[in-house]
C-alpha atoms as a PDB file:
ATOM      1  CA  MET A   1      45.763 -27.778  -4.695  1.00  0.00           C
ATOM      2  CA  SER A   2      45.809 -24.481  -2.864  1.00  0.00           C
ATOM      3  CA  ASP A   3      48.338 -22.644  -0.740  1.00  0.00           C
ATOM      4  CA  ARG A   4      45.688 -20.603   1.087  1.00  0.00           C
ATOM      5  CA  ILE A   5      45.550 -21.004   4.880  1.00  0.00           C
ATOM      6  CA  GLU A   6      41.742 -20.748   4.925  1.00  0.00           C
ATOM      7  CA  LYS A   7      41.599 -23.876   2.736  1.00  0.00           C
ATOM      8  CA  THR A   8      43.429 -26.029   5.303  1.00  0.00           C
ATOM      9  CA  ILE A   9      41.901 -28.435   7.826  1.00  0.00           C
ATOM     10  CA  ASP A  10      42.326 -27.627  11.529  1.00  0.00           C
ATOM     11  CA  TYR A  11      43.454 -31.082  12.621  1.00  0.00           C
ATOM     12  CA  HIS A  12      43.344 -30.553  16.372  1.00  0.00           C
ATOM     13  CA  GLU A  13      40.325 -28.388  17.042  1.00  0.00           C
ATOM     14  CA  ALA A  14      38.144 -29.601  14.210  1.00  0.00           C
ATOM     15  CA  CYS A  15      39.225 -32.993  12.916  1.00  0.00           C
ATOM     16  CA  CYS A  16      40.452 -34.727  16.094  1.00  0.00           C
ATOM     17  CA  GLN A  17      37.576 -33.473  18.215  1.00  0.00           C
ATOM     18  CA  GLU A  18      35.117 -34.462  15.472  1.00  0.00           C
ATOM     19  CA  MET A  19      36.629 -37.962  15.295  1.00  0.00           C
ATOM     20  CA  LEU A  20      36.121 -38.396  19.046  1.00  0.00           C
ATOM     21  CA  LYS A  21      32.448 -37.473  18.628  1.00  0.00           C
ATOM     22  CA  PHE A  22      32.176 -39.675  15.520  1.00  0.00           C
ATOM     23  CA  GLY A  23      33.324 -42.725  17.503  1.00  0.00           C
ATOM     24  CA  GLU A  24      31.065 -42.206  20.513  1.00  0.00           C
ATOM     25  CA  GLY A  25      28.461 -44.950  20.827  1.00  0.00           C
ATOM     26  CA  ARG A  26      29.869 -46.922  17.887  1.00  0.00           C
ATOM     27  CA  SER A  27      32.039 -49.992  17.674  1.00  0.00           C
ATOM     28  CA  TRP A  28      33.955 -51.778  14.958  1.00  0.00           C
ATOM     29  CA  LYS A  29      35.261 -55.339  15.032  1.00  0.00           C
ATOM     30  CA  LEU A  30      37.758 -54.913  12.195  1.00  0.00           C
ATOM     31  CA  LEU A  31      40.506 -52.302  11.867  1.00  0.00           C
ATOM     32  CA  GLU A  32      39.845 -52.214   8.133  1.00  0.00           C
ATOM     33  CA  ARG A  33      36.218 -51.180   8.667  1.00  0.00           C
ATOM     34  CA  LEU A  34      37.178 -48.560  11.271  1.00  0.00           C
ATOM     35  CA  SER A  35      39.826 -47.098   8.935  1.00  0.00           C
ATOM     36  CA  THR A  36      37.380 -46.955   6.034  1.00  0.00           C
ATOM     37  CA  ALA A  37      34.672 -45.332   8.177  1.00  0.00           C
ATOM     38  CA  ILE A  38      37.117 -42.646   9.347  1.00  0.00           C
ATOM     39  CA  ALA A  39      38.381 -42.000   5.804  1.00  0.00           C
ATOM     40  CA  ASP A  40      34.847 -41.758   4.418  1.00  0.00           C
ATOM     41  CA  HIS A  41      33.791 -39.396   7.214  1.00  0.00           C
ATOM     42  CA  ILE A  42      36.778 -37.090   6.681  1.00  0.00           C
ATOM     43  CA  LEU A  43      36.164 -37.018   2.919  1.00  0.00           C
ATOM     44  CA  ALA A  44      32.486 -36.170   3.410  1.00  0.00           C
ATOM     45  CA  GLU A  45      32.977 -33.640   6.222  1.00  0.00           C
ATOM     46  CA  TYR A  46      36.115 -31.745   5.161  1.00  0.00           C
ATOM     47  CA  LYS A  47      36.225 -32.366   1.384  1.00  0.00           C
ATOM     48  CA  PRO A  48      39.991 -32.935   1.002  1.00  0.00           C
ATOM     49  CA  GLN A  49      41.323 -34.249  -2.311  1.00  0.00           C
ATOM     50  CA  ALA A  50      42.518 -37.419  -0.576  1.00  0.00           C
ATOM     51  CA  VAL A  51      42.970 -38.861   2.899  1.00  0.00           C
ATOM     52  CA  LEU A  52      45.296 -41.457   4.390  1.00  0.00           C
ATOM     53  CA  VAL A  53      44.140 -43.075   7.639  1.00  0.00           C
ATOM     54  CA  GLU A  54      46.476 -45.344   9.555  1.00  0.00           C
ATOM     55  CA  VAL A  55      45.196 -47.253  12.595  1.00  0.00           C
ATOM     56  CA  LYS A  56      47.612 -49.105  14.849  1.00  0.00           C
ATOM     57  CA  LYS A  57      46.391 -51.776  17.244  1.00  0.00           C
ATOM     58  CA  PHE A  58      48.349 -52.130  20.456  1.00  0.00           C
ATOM     59  CA  ILE A  59      48.126 -55.363  22.410  1.00  0.00           C
ATOM     60  CA  ILE A  60      48.403 -54.973  26.169  1.00  0.00           C
ATOM     61  CA  PRO A  61      51.031 -57.235  27.808  1.00  0.00           C
ATOM     62  CA  GLN A  62      48.478 -58.988  30.055  1.00  0.00           C
ATOM     63  CA  THR A  63      46.962 -60.699  27.003  1.00  0.00           C
ATOM     64  CA  ALA A  64      50.099 -62.823  26.528  1.00  0.00           C
ATOM     65  CA  THR A  65      48.751 -65.470  28.881  1.00  0.00           C
ATOM     66  CA  VAL A  66      45.594 -65.824  26.785  1.00  0.00           C
ATOM     67  CA  PHE A  67      46.753 -65.260  23.217  1.00  0.00           C
ATOM     68  CA  GLY A  68      50.449 -66.150  23.336  1.00  0.00           C
ATOM     69  CA  GLU A  69      53.140 -63.516  22.939  1.00  0.00           C
ATOM     70  CA  PRO A  70      51.822 -60.023  22.170  1.00  0.00           C
ATOM     71  CA  ASP A  71      52.209 -58.728  18.635  1.00  0.00           C
ATOM     72  CA  PRO A  72      54.286 -55.512  18.583  1.00  0.00           C
ATOM     73  CA  GLY A  73      51.392 -53.821  16.782  1.00  0.00           C
ATOM     74  CA  LYS A  74      49.261 -54.344  13.726  1.00  0.00           C
ATOM     75  CA  VAL A  75      48.726 -51.540  11.264  1.00  0.00           C
ATOM     76  CA  CYS A  76      45.844 -50.980   8.908  1.00  0.00           C
ATOM     77  CA  ALA A  77      46.124 -48.161   6.381  1.00  0.00           C
ATOM     78  CA  VAL A  78      43.405 -46.854   4.062  1.00  0.00           C
ATOM     79  CA  ASN A  79      44.194 -44.352   1.326  1.00  0.00           C
ATOM     80  CA  ARG A  80      41.114 -42.826  -0.316  1.00  0.00           C
ATOM     81  CA  ALA A  81      40.550 -40.075  -2.865  1.00  0.00           C
ATOM     82  CA  GLU A  82      37.419 -37.937  -3.034  1.00  0.00           C
ATOM     83  CA  SER A  83      36.371 -39.545  -6.322  1.00  0.00           C
ATOM     84  CA  ALA A  84      36.445 -43.007  -4.710  1.00  0.00           C
ATOM     85  CA  GLY A  85      33.035 -42.444  -3.097  1.00  0.00           C
ATOM     86  CA  VAL A  86      31.758 -43.677   0.217  1.00  0.00           C
ATOM     87  CA  ALA A  87      32.035 -47.371   1.037  1.00  0.00           C
ATOM     88  CA  ALA A  88      28.979 -49.239   2.253  1.00  0.00           C
END
């Protein structure tokens, strides 16, 4: 653990913009797989000691007629450490 500013991750300019590029042209059917892919990418690209990725799925109100009442939101969280390795 370091307290040096140059060892931090620039979440807006670097990480968020990189995640937008990472997702372009890709698709995931499961939130769990998306969360794991994001966590693995952040670990590989930025080398933090650990990462926690939380993905929340919002259901649009118009789907109520097809799927019943909308769920207020489902959450998938993945907590990974650098020693955990990259999932297949």
